[in-house]
Amino acid sequence: MSDESTKQSEAPADIEMPEEYDLDHSSAQPNRFADRLPQGRVVGVVLDPDVAAIFDSSESVNRFLRSAIEAMPARKSDPAPSG
């Protein structure tokens, strides 16, 4: 890495930043990309590097977890599988 790529740009010394910004959110709009998100519950999980090295996609993780769930003994309080 060169020194130029690691240097952060410096703001001119004569520009002062205010202590606080008063942001006006009255003109905020809903997220226009929200309808592109998958419907239902999406949960993010962080895998440890050694585990992540085994799986190449979220589909492969889900496939493995579903097979592990099927192999588990059923409990009386478990709802019927949906999917």
N, C-alpha and C. Protein backbone atom coordinates (compact mmCIF):
# COMPACT_ATOMS: atom_id res chain seq x y z
N MET A 1 0.84 -1.19 0.00
CA MET A 1 0.00 0.00 0.00
C MET A 1 0.88 1.24 0.00
N SER A 2 0.56 2.21 -0.79
CA SER A 2 1.35 3.43 -0.81
C SER A 2 0.87 4.38 0.27
N ASP A 3 1.73 5.34 0.61
CA ASP A 3 1.36 6.32 1.63
C ASP A 3 0.16 7.14 1.21
N GLU A 4 0.04 7.39 -0.11
CA GLU A 4 -1.08 8.19 -0.60
C GLU A 4 -2.42 7.51 -0.35
N SER A 5 -2.49 6.18 -0.47
CA SER A 5 -3.77 5.49 -0.29
C SER A 5 -4.17 5.39 1.17
N THR A 6 -3.22 5.55 2.09
CA THR A 6 -3.55 5.46 3.50
C THR A 6 -3.79 6.80 4.15
N LYS A 7 -3.47 7.89 3.45
CA LYS A 7 -3.69 9.23 4.00
C LYS A 7 -5.16 9.59 3.88
N GLN A 8 -5.69 10.18 4.94
CA GLN A 8 -7.06 10.67 4.88
C GLN A 8 -7.02 12.12 4.42
N SER A 9 -8.02 12.49 3.65
CA SER A 9 -8.04 13.88 3.20
C SER A 9 -8.31 14.77 4.41
N GLU A 10 -7.62 15.89 4.42
CA GLU A 10 -7.76 16.81 5.54
C GLU A 10 -8.60 18.00 5.12
N ALA A 11 -9.52 18.41 5.98
CA ALA A 11 -10.33 19.58 5.71
C ALA A 11 -9.49 20.82 5.98
N PRO A 12 -9.73 21.88 5.23
CA PRO A 12 -8.99 23.12 5.50
C PRO A 12 -9.21 23.57 6.94
N ALA A 13 -8.18 24.11 7.54
CA ALA A 13 -8.22 24.48 8.96
C ALA A 13 -9.19 25.62 9.24
N ASP A 14 -9.53 26.42 8.24
CA ASP A 14 -10.40 27.56 8.49
C ASP A 14 -11.89 27.21 8.48
N ILE A 15 -12.25 25.96 8.19
CA ILE A 15 -13.65 25.54 8.19
C ILE A 15 -13.97 24.90 9.54
N GLU A 16 -14.97 25.45 10.22
CA GLU A 16 -15.39 24.90 11.51
C GLU A 16 -16.70 24.15 11.35
N MET A 17 -16.80 23.03 12.03
CA MET A 17 -18.04 22.26 12.01
C MET A 17 -18.91 22.69 13.19
N PRO A 18 -20.20 22.79 12.97
CA PRO A 18 -21.08 23.13 14.10
C PRO A 18 -21.09 21.99 15.12
N GLU A 19 -21.34 22.32 16.37
CA GLU A 19 -21.41 21.31 17.42
C GLU A 19 -22.59 20.38 17.21
N GLU A 20 -23.66 20.91 16.64
CA GLU A 20 -24.87 20.12 16.47
C GLU A 20 -25.55 20.53 15.17
N TYR A 21 -26.12 19.55 14.48
CA TYR A 21 -26.88 19.81 13.27
C TYR A 21 -28.36 19.66 13.58
N ASP A 22 -29.17 20.56 13.06
CA ASP A 22 -30.62 20.46 13.21
C ASP A 22 -31.17 19.91 11.89
N LEU A 23 -31.39 18.60 11.85
CA LEU A 23 -31.84 17.96 10.62
C LEU A 23 -33.35 17.97 10.54
N ASP A 24 -33.87 18.37 9.40
CA ASP A 24 -35.31 18.43 9.18
C ASP A 24 -35.76 17.15 8.49
N HIS A 25 -36.47 16.30 9.20
CA HIS A 25 -36.94 15.03 8.65
C HIS A 25 -38.38 15.12 8.13
N SER A 26 -38.94 16.33 8.09
CA SER A 26 -40.33 16.48 7.67
C SER A 26 -40.52 16.12 6.20
N SER A 27 -39.48 16.22 5.39
CA SER A 27 -39.62 15.89 3.97
C SER A 27 -39.11 14.48 3.65
N ALA A 28 -38.85 13.67 4.67
CA ALA A 28 -38.38 12.30 4.46
C ALA A 28 -39.45 11.47 3.76
N GLN A 29 -39.01 10.53 2.93
CA GLN A 29 -39.94 9.69 2.19
C GLN A 29 -39.68 8.23 2.56
N PRO A 30 -40.68 7.37 2.39
CA PRO A 30 -40.49 5.95 2.67
C PRO A 30 -39.41 5.36 1.76
N ASN A 31 -38.81 4.29 2.18
CA ASN A 31 -37.78 3.62 1.41
C ASN A 31 -38.39 3.07 0.12
N ARG A 32 -37.96 3.59 -1.01
CA ARG A 32 -38.54 3.16 -2.28
C ARG A 32 -38.08 1.77 -2.69
N PHE A 33 -37.06 1.23 -2.04
CA PHE A 33 -36.57 -0.10 -2.35
C PHE A 33 -37.12 -1.17 -1.41
N ALA A 34 -37.94 -0.79 -0.46
CA ALA A 34 -38.43 -1.73 0.55
C ALA A 34 -39.24 -2.86 -0.07
N ASP A 35 -39.96 -2.60 -1.14
CA ASP A 35 -40.77 -3.67 -1.73
C ASP A 35 -39.91 -4.72 -2.44
N ARG A 36 -38.63 -4.46 -2.63
CA ARG A 36 -37.74 -5.44 -3.24
C ARG A 36 -37.20 -6.45 -2.22
N LEU A 37 -37.37 -6.15 -0.94
CA LEU A 37 -36.91 -7.07 0.09
C LEU A 37 -37.80 -8.29 0.14
N PRO A 38 -37.23 -9.45 0.47
CA PRO A 38 -38.06 -10.66 0.56
C PRO A 38 -39.11 -10.51 1.65
N GLN A 39 -40.27 -11.06 1.39
CA GLN A 39 -41.35 -10.99 2.37
C GLN A 39 -41.10 -12.00 3.47
N GLY A 40 -41.58 -11.72 4.64
CA GLY A 40 -41.38 -12.63 5.76
C GLY A 40 -40.25 -12.15 6.63
N ARG A 41 -39.84 -13.02 7.49
CA ARG A 41 -38.82 -12.66 8.48
C ARG A 41 -37.43 -13.00 7.95
N VAL A 42 -36.56 -12.01 7.88
CA VAL A 42 -35.18 -12.20 7.46
C VAL A 42 -34.29 -11.93 8.65
N VAL A 43 -33.42 -12.88 8.96
CA VAL A 43 -32.54 -12.75 10.10
C VAL A 43 -31.10 -12.84 9.62
N GLY A 44 -30.27 -11.92 10.07
CA GLY A 44 -28.85 -11.97 9.73
C GLY A 44 -28.09 -12.72 10.81
N VAL A 45 -27.22 -13.62 10.40
CA VAL A 45 -26.41 -14.40 11.33
C VAL A 45 -24.97 -14.30 10.87
N VAL A 46 -24.06 -14.05 11.80
CA VAL A 46 -22.64 -13.99 11.47
C VAL A 46 -22.01 -15.34 11.80
N LEU A 47 -21.40 -15.95 10.78
CA LEU A 47 -20.74 -17.23 10.96
C LEU A 47 -19.27 -17.01 11.29
N ASP A 48 -18.74 -17.87 12.15
CA ASP A 48 -17.30 -17.83 12.41
C ASP A 48 -16.57 -18.19 11.13
N PRO A 49 -15.36 -17.67 10.93
CA PRO A 49 -14.65 -17.90 9.67
C PRO A 49 -14.48 -19.37 9.30
N ASP A 50 -14.23 -20.25 10.27
CA ASP A 50 -14.04 -21.67 9.96
C ASP A 50 -15.34 -22.30 9.47
N VAL A 51 -16.46 -21.84 9.99
CA VAL A 51 -17.77 -22.35 9.55
C VAL A 51 -18.11 -21.75 8.19
N ALA A 52 -17.87 -20.47 8.00
CA ALA A 52 -18.18 -19.80 6.74
C ALA A 52 -17.37 -20.39 5.59
N ALA A 53 -16.20 -20.93 5.88
CA ALA A 53 -15.37 -21.52 4.83
C ALA A 53 -16.02 -22.77 4.24
N ILE A 54 -16.91 -23.40 4.97
CA ILE A 54 -17.58 -24.63 4.51
C ILE A 54 -18.73 -24.32 3.56
N PHE A 55 -19.42 -23.20 3.78
CA PHE A 55 -20.63 -22.87 3.03
C PHE A 55 -20.33 -21.78 2.01
N ASP A 56 -20.86 -21.95 0.80
CA ASP A 56 -20.62 -20.95 -0.24
C ASP A 56 -21.81 -20.01 -0.47
N SER A 57 -22.92 -20.26 0.22
CA SER A 57 -24.09 -19.41 0.02
C SER A 57 -25.05 -19.56 1.20
N SER A 58 -25.98 -18.63 1.29
CA SER A 58 -27.00 -18.73 2.34
C SER A 58 -27.90 -19.93 2.09
N GLU A 59 -28.10 -20.27 0.80
CA GLU A 59 -28.93 -21.43 0.47
C GLU A 59 -28.31 -22.72 1.02
N SER A 60 -26.97 -22.85 0.94
CA SER A 60 -26.32 -24.06 1.44
C SER A 60 -26.40 -24.12 2.97
N VAL A 61 -26.32 -22.99 3.63
CA VAL A 61 -26.47 -22.96 5.08
C VAL A 61 -27.89 -23.37 5.46
N ASN A 62 -28.89 -22.80 4.77
CA ASN A 62 -30.29 -23.14 5.06
C ASN A 62 -30.58 -24.61 4.79
N ARG A 63 -30.04 -25.14 3.70
CA ARG A 63 -30.24 -26.55 3.37
C ARG A 63 -29.68 -27.45 4.48
N PHE A 64 -28.47 -27.13 4.96
CA PHE A 64 -27.87 -27.92 6.02
C PHE A 64 -28.67 -27.80 7.32
N LEU A 65 -29.07 -26.58 7.67
CA LEU A 65 -29.84 -26.40 8.91
C LEU A 65 -31.18 -27.13 8.85
N ARG A 66 -31.84 -27.11 7.69
CA ARG A 66 -33.11 -27.83 7.56
C ARG A 66 -32.90 -29.34 7.72
N SER A 67 -31.80 -29.88 7.17
CA SER A 67 -31.54 -31.31 7.33
C SER A 67 -31.22 -31.64 8.79
N ALA A 68 -30.53 -30.74 9.47
CA ALA A 68 -30.24 -30.96 10.90
C ALA A 68 -31.52 -30.91 11.71
N ILE A 69 -32.42 -30.00 11.38
CA ILE A 69 -33.71 -29.90 12.08
C ILE A 69 -34.52 -31.17 11.87
N GLU A 70 -34.55 -31.69 10.65
CA GLU A 70 -35.30 -32.92 10.38
C GLU A 70 -34.72 -34.10 11.14
N ALA A 71 -33.41 -34.11 11.38
CA ALA A 71 -32.77 -35.22 12.08
C ALA A 71 -32.97 -35.14 13.59
N MET A 72 -33.39 -34.00 14.08
CA MET A 72 -33.60 -33.84 15.53
C MET A 72 -34.87 -34.55 15.95
N PRO A 73 -34.85 -35.14 17.16
CA PRO A 73 -36.10 -35.75 17.65
C PRO A 73 -37.16 -34.67 17.88
N ALA A 74 -38.38 -34.98 17.50
CA ALA A 74 -39.47 -34.02 17.64
C ALA A 74 -39.83 -33.85 19.10
N ARG A 75 -40.17 -32.64 19.46
CA ARG A 75 -40.66 -32.37 20.81
C ARG A 75 -42.15 -32.14 20.72
N LYS A 76 -42.85 -32.44 21.78
CA LYS A 76 -44.31 -32.29 21.78
C LYS A 76 -44.73 -30.84 21.59
N SER A 77 -43.91 -29.89 22.04
CA SER A 77 -44.30 -28.48 21.95
C SER A 77 -43.92 -27.87 20.59
N ASP A 78 -43.20 -28.63 19.74
CA ASP A 78 -42.81 -28.10 18.42
C ASP A 78 -44.01 -28.05 17.49
N PRO A 79 -44.17 -26.93 16.78
CA PRO A 79 -45.24 -26.88 15.77
C PRO A 79 -44.84 -27.72 14.57
N ALA A 80 -45.82 -28.06 13.76
CA ALA A 80 -45.56 -28.84 12.55
C ALA A 80 -44.68 -28.03 11.62
N PRO A 81 -43.72 -28.66 10.91
CA PRO A 81 -42.87 -27.90 9.99
C PRO A 81 -43.67 -27.25 8.89
N SER A 82 -43.30 -26.02 8.56
CA SER A 82 -43.98 -25.30 7.48
C SER A 82 -42.97 -25.01 6.39
N GLY A 83 -42.99 -25.74 5.35
CA GLY A 83 -42.06 -25.40 4.30
C GLY A 83 -41.69 -26.51 3.49
